[in-house]
Protein backbone atom coordinates (compact mmCIF):
# COMPACT_ATOMS: atom_id res chain seq x y z
CA MET A 1 -18.75 17.79 56.31
CA LEU A 2 -21.28 14.68 55.46
CA PRO A 3 -20.64 11.50 57.19
CA TRP A 4 -18.60 9.35 54.43
CA GLU A 5 -15.72 12.55 54.75
CA HIS A 6 -15.86 12.63 58.36
CA LEU A 7 -14.68 8.43 57.98
CA ALA A 8 -12.27 9.09 55.69
CA PHE A 9 -10.76 11.91 57.75
CA ALA A 10 -10.80 9.48 60.96
CA TYR A 11 -9.51 6.79 59.03
CA VAL A 12 -6.68 8.38 57.49
CA LEU A 13 -5.48 9.90 60.94
CA TYR A 14 -6.21 6.25 62.51
CA SER A 15 -4.41 4.73 59.79
CA LEU A 16 -1.34 6.49 59.57
CA THR A 17 -1.09 6.63 63.65
CA MET A 18 -1.22 3.31 63.83
CA ASN A 19 1.55 2.73 60.40
CA VAL A 20 3.84 5.37 61.78
CA ALA A 21 3.60 5.05 65.53
CA PHE A 22 3.25 1.22 66.07
CA ARG A 23 4.10 -0.23 62.24
CA ALA A 24 0.80 -2.13 62.00
CA SER A 25 -2.43 -1.75 60.03
CA PRO A 26 -5.77 -1.58 61.82
CA SER A 27 -7.38 -4.69 62.26
CA GLY A 28 -11.16 -4.93 60.75
CA ARG A 29 -12.54 -4.67 64.09
CA GLU A 30 -10.49 -1.39 64.98
CA THR A 31 -11.81 -0.19 61.34
CA ILE A 32 -15.47 -0.36 62.83
CA ALA A 33 -14.47 1.46 65.92
CA VAL A 34 -12.96 4.82 63.48
CA ALA A 35 -16.42 4.44 61.69
CA VAL A 36 -18.27 4.49 64.69
CA GLY A 37 -16.12 7.29 66.53
CA SER A 38 -16.37 9.34 63.73
CA GLN A 39 -19.89 9.40 63.21
CA PHE A 40 -20.70 9.78 66.59
CA PRO A 41 -20.84 13.39 67.59
CA ASP A 42 -23.51 13.68 64.33
CA LEU A 43 -25.35 10.57 65.77
CA VAL A 44 -26.00 12.30 69.04
CA ASP A 45 -26.31 15.74 67.83
CA LYS A 46 -28.44 15.73 64.83
CA PRO A 47 -31.61 13.88 66.49
CA LEU A 48 -31.30 15.82 69.79
CA GLY A 49 -30.77 19.16 67.28
CA TRP A 50 -33.10 18.67 64.85
CA THR A 51 -35.90 16.29 65.94
CA VAL A 52 -36.09 17.30 69.39
CA GLU A 53 -34.59 20.99 68.90
CA PHE A 54 -32.19 20.67 71.99
CA ALA A 55 -30.07 22.59 70.28
CA GLU A 56 -30.87 23.47 66.84
CA THR A 57 -27.50 23.84 65.26
CA GLY A 58 -26.76 20.24 65.60
CA TYR A 59 -23.83 20.98 67.59
CA SER A 60 -23.79 20.43 71.32
CA ILE A 61 -23.01 17.50 73.49
CA GLY A 62 -21.49 15.13 70.81
CA HIS A 63 -19.00 18.16 69.89
CA SER A 64 -18.24 19.36 72.95
CA ILE A 65 -14.52 19.60 74.24
CA PHE A 66 -15.99 19.50 77.90
CA VAL A 67 -17.93 15.97 76.79
CA ALA A 68 -14.94 14.79 75.14
CA PRO A 69 -12.79 13.37 78.07
CA VAL A 70 -15.64 11.58 79.22
CA VAL A 71 -16.92 9.71 75.86
CA CYS A 72 -13.39 8.55 75.48
CA LEU A 73 -12.83 7.43 79.26
CA VAL A 74 -16.28 5.23 78.69
CA ALA A 75 -15.01 4.25 75.23
CA TYR A 76 -11.69 2.97 77.03
CA ALA A 77 -13.85 1.46 79.90
CA VAL A 78 -16.06 -0.69 77.81
CA ALA A 79 -12.79 -1.91 75.40
CA ILE A 80 -11.00 -2.74 78.76
CA ARG A 81 -14.68 -4.92 79.73
CA GLY A 82 -13.92 -6.73 76.21
CA GLY A 83 -10.38 -6.97 76.43
CA ASN A 84 -9.28 -4.71 73.29
CA ARG A 85 -7.94 -1.37 74.47
CA ALA A 86 -6.81 -0.77 70.36
CA LEU A 87 -10.67 -0.53 70.05
CA ALA A 88 -10.63 2.50 72.25
CA GLY A 89 -7.71 3.98 70.74
CA ALA A 90 -9.53 3.84 67.64
CA PHE A 91 -12.78 5.06 68.70
CA SER A 92 -11.32 8.01 70.63
CA ILE A 93 -8.79 9.40 67.61
CA ALA A 94 -11.83 8.94 65.34
CA TYR A 95 -14.33 10.58 67.37
CA LEU A 96 -11.76 13.42 68.69
CA SER A 97 -11.31 13.75 64.69
CA HIS A 98 -14.88 14.70 64.08
CA PRO A 99 -15.14 18.86 65.45
CA ILE A 100 -11.54 19.04 64.34
CA ALA A 101 -12.57 18.30 60.75
CA ASP A 102 -15.80 20.39 60.88
CA VAL A 103 -13.81 23.25 62.17
CA LEU A 104 -11.14 22.49 58.84
CA SER A 105 -14.02 22.10 56.63
CA GLN A 106 -16.05 25.41 57.51
CA LEU A 107 -12.23 27.19 57.05
CA LEU A 108 -11.77 25.27 53.42
CA ARG A 109 -15.03 26.67 52.42
CA ASP A 110 -16.03 29.64 53.92
CA GLY A 111 -12.36 31.10 55.17
CA VAL A 112 -13.48 31.52 58.80
CA VAL A 113 -13.47 29.65 61.78
CA ASP A 114 -15.87 29.42 64.61
CA VAL A 115 -15.03 27.39 67.34
CA ARG A 116 -18.34 27.43 68.87
CA ILE A 117 -19.39 24.20 67.58
CA ALA A 118 -16.92 22.56 69.83
CA LEU A 119 -17.90 24.75 73.12
CA TRP A 120 -20.84 23.39 74.42
CA PRO A 121 -22.41 24.33 77.03
CA ILE A 122 -20.52 27.48 76.92
CA ALA A 123 -21.43 28.85 73.51
CA SER A 124 -23.17 27.74 70.16
CA PRO A 125 -23.39 28.94 66.79
CA PRO A 126 -26.28 30.43 65.66
CA GLY A 127 -29.37 28.47 64.90
CA THR A 128 -30.79 28.13 61.68
CA ASP A 129 -34.41 26.56 61.32
CA HIS A 130 -34.49 24.12 58.33
CA GLY A 131 -37.19 22.04 59.53
CA GLY A 132 -37.07 19.23 61.03
CA PHE A 133 -34.55 15.73 60.54
CA LEU A 134 -35.51 15.26 56.56
CA ASP A 135 -35.31 18.63 55.93
CA HIS A 136 -31.97 19.19 56.77
CA LEU A 137 -30.96 15.81 55.33
CA LEU A 138 -32.32 16.64 52.27
CA LEU A 139 -30.83 20.04 52.45
CA TYR A 140 -27.00 19.24 53.27
CA LEU A 141 -27.26 16.47 50.65
CA ALA A 142 -28.75 19.25 47.73
CA ARG A 143 -26.07 21.20 48.66
CA TYR A 144 -23.37 19.13 48.42
CA VAL A 145 -24.94 17.86 44.90
CA TYR A 146 -25.04 21.25 43.63
CA GLN A 147 -21.39 22.36 45.00
CA LEU A 148 -19.90 18.97 42.91
CA LEU A 149 -22.32 19.86 39.68
CA ALA A 150 -22.04 23.54 39.56
CA GLY A 151 -19.12 24.69 42.05
CA GLY A 152 -16.30 23.44 39.82
CA LEU A 153 -12.95 22.32 41.02
CA THR A 154 -12.64 24.27 44.77
CA ILE A 155 -10.34 23.84 47.38
CA GLU A 156 -12.60 22.19 49.29
CA LEU A 157 -13.46 19.97 46.58
CA ALA A 158 -9.65 19.31 45.55
CA VAL A 159 -8.86 18.44 49.30
CA GLN A 160 -11.85 16.00 49.28
CA LEU A 161 -11.00 14.10 46.21
CA LEU A 162 -7.32 13.86 47.58
CA LEU A 163 -8.99 12.96 51.17
CA GLY A 164 -10.77 10.22 49.22
CA LEU A 165 -7.75 9.18 46.87
CA ALA A 166 -5.93 8.51 50.20
CA VAL A 167 -8.43 6.48 52.08
CA VAL A 168 -8.75 4.50 49.34
CA ALA A 169 -5.13 4.00 48.90
CA LEU A 170 -4.40 3.44 52.99
CA TRP A 171 -7.12 1.23 52.78
CA LEU A 172 -5.50 -1.04 50.48
CA PHE A 173 -2.19 -0.79 51.83
CA ASP A 174 -3.64 -1.72 55.25
CA GLY A 175 -5.10 -4.90 53.93
CA ALA A 176 -9.06 -3.54 53.42
CA PRO A 177 -10.08 -3.97 56.89
CA PRO A 178 -12.96 -5.27 57.38
CA ALA A 179 -13.84 -6.22 54.21
CA ALA A 180 -11.00 -8.77 53.91
CA ASP A 181 -11.98 -10.47 56.93
CA ILE A 182 -15.66 -10.90 55.83
CA TRP A 183 -14.30 -12.22 52.69
CA ARG A 184 -12.29 -14.50 54.40
CA PHE A 185 -14.93 -15.63 56.95
CA LEU A 186 -17.59 -16.28 53.85
CA ARG A 187 -14.49 -18.51 52.14
CA THR A 188 -14.11 -20.41 55.01
CA ARG A 189 -17.79 -21.38 55.55
CA SER A 190 -18.11 -22.32 51.57
CA HIS A 191 -15.33 -24.91 51.90
CA GLN A 192 -16.96 -26.28 55.11
């Protein structure tokens, strides 16, 4: 999955959790925590795999179900120190959604599931060599553009489009955090 797809998937999960379980919309700070958490596994693993060749697959520490509890506990400790436990929940839900979204994306795209992406250090998917970080980034973007332009309406693309619409609808329903917070801040600054 690409970064915006991870963000969309995580935001839908977190927003639905907040709206259903707590009858509240995510705050601007929680939405930022969701954005960071949804990208965190790739922010750790892709540079390790594509730059220093720690794990060529780009799936290692950040995607590991064995490391996830530690990451979530650290997020909780940091949030407690900052006085806002909700941020730990937002980050953790988004962080945990990332490998799940990767597995679901594989299932939709290839019809198979390779759970090895989440089993580091016990198992890892086979590596492929596409060069360095920029080479990998360009390869994935080229594949995505090709899929959009030449692939027609696939199940994966239909799910992505529906997810995109769901995200926009939920985000607007939630009050457009943190964009609304920034807008209010700018308006109050201009009236002073």
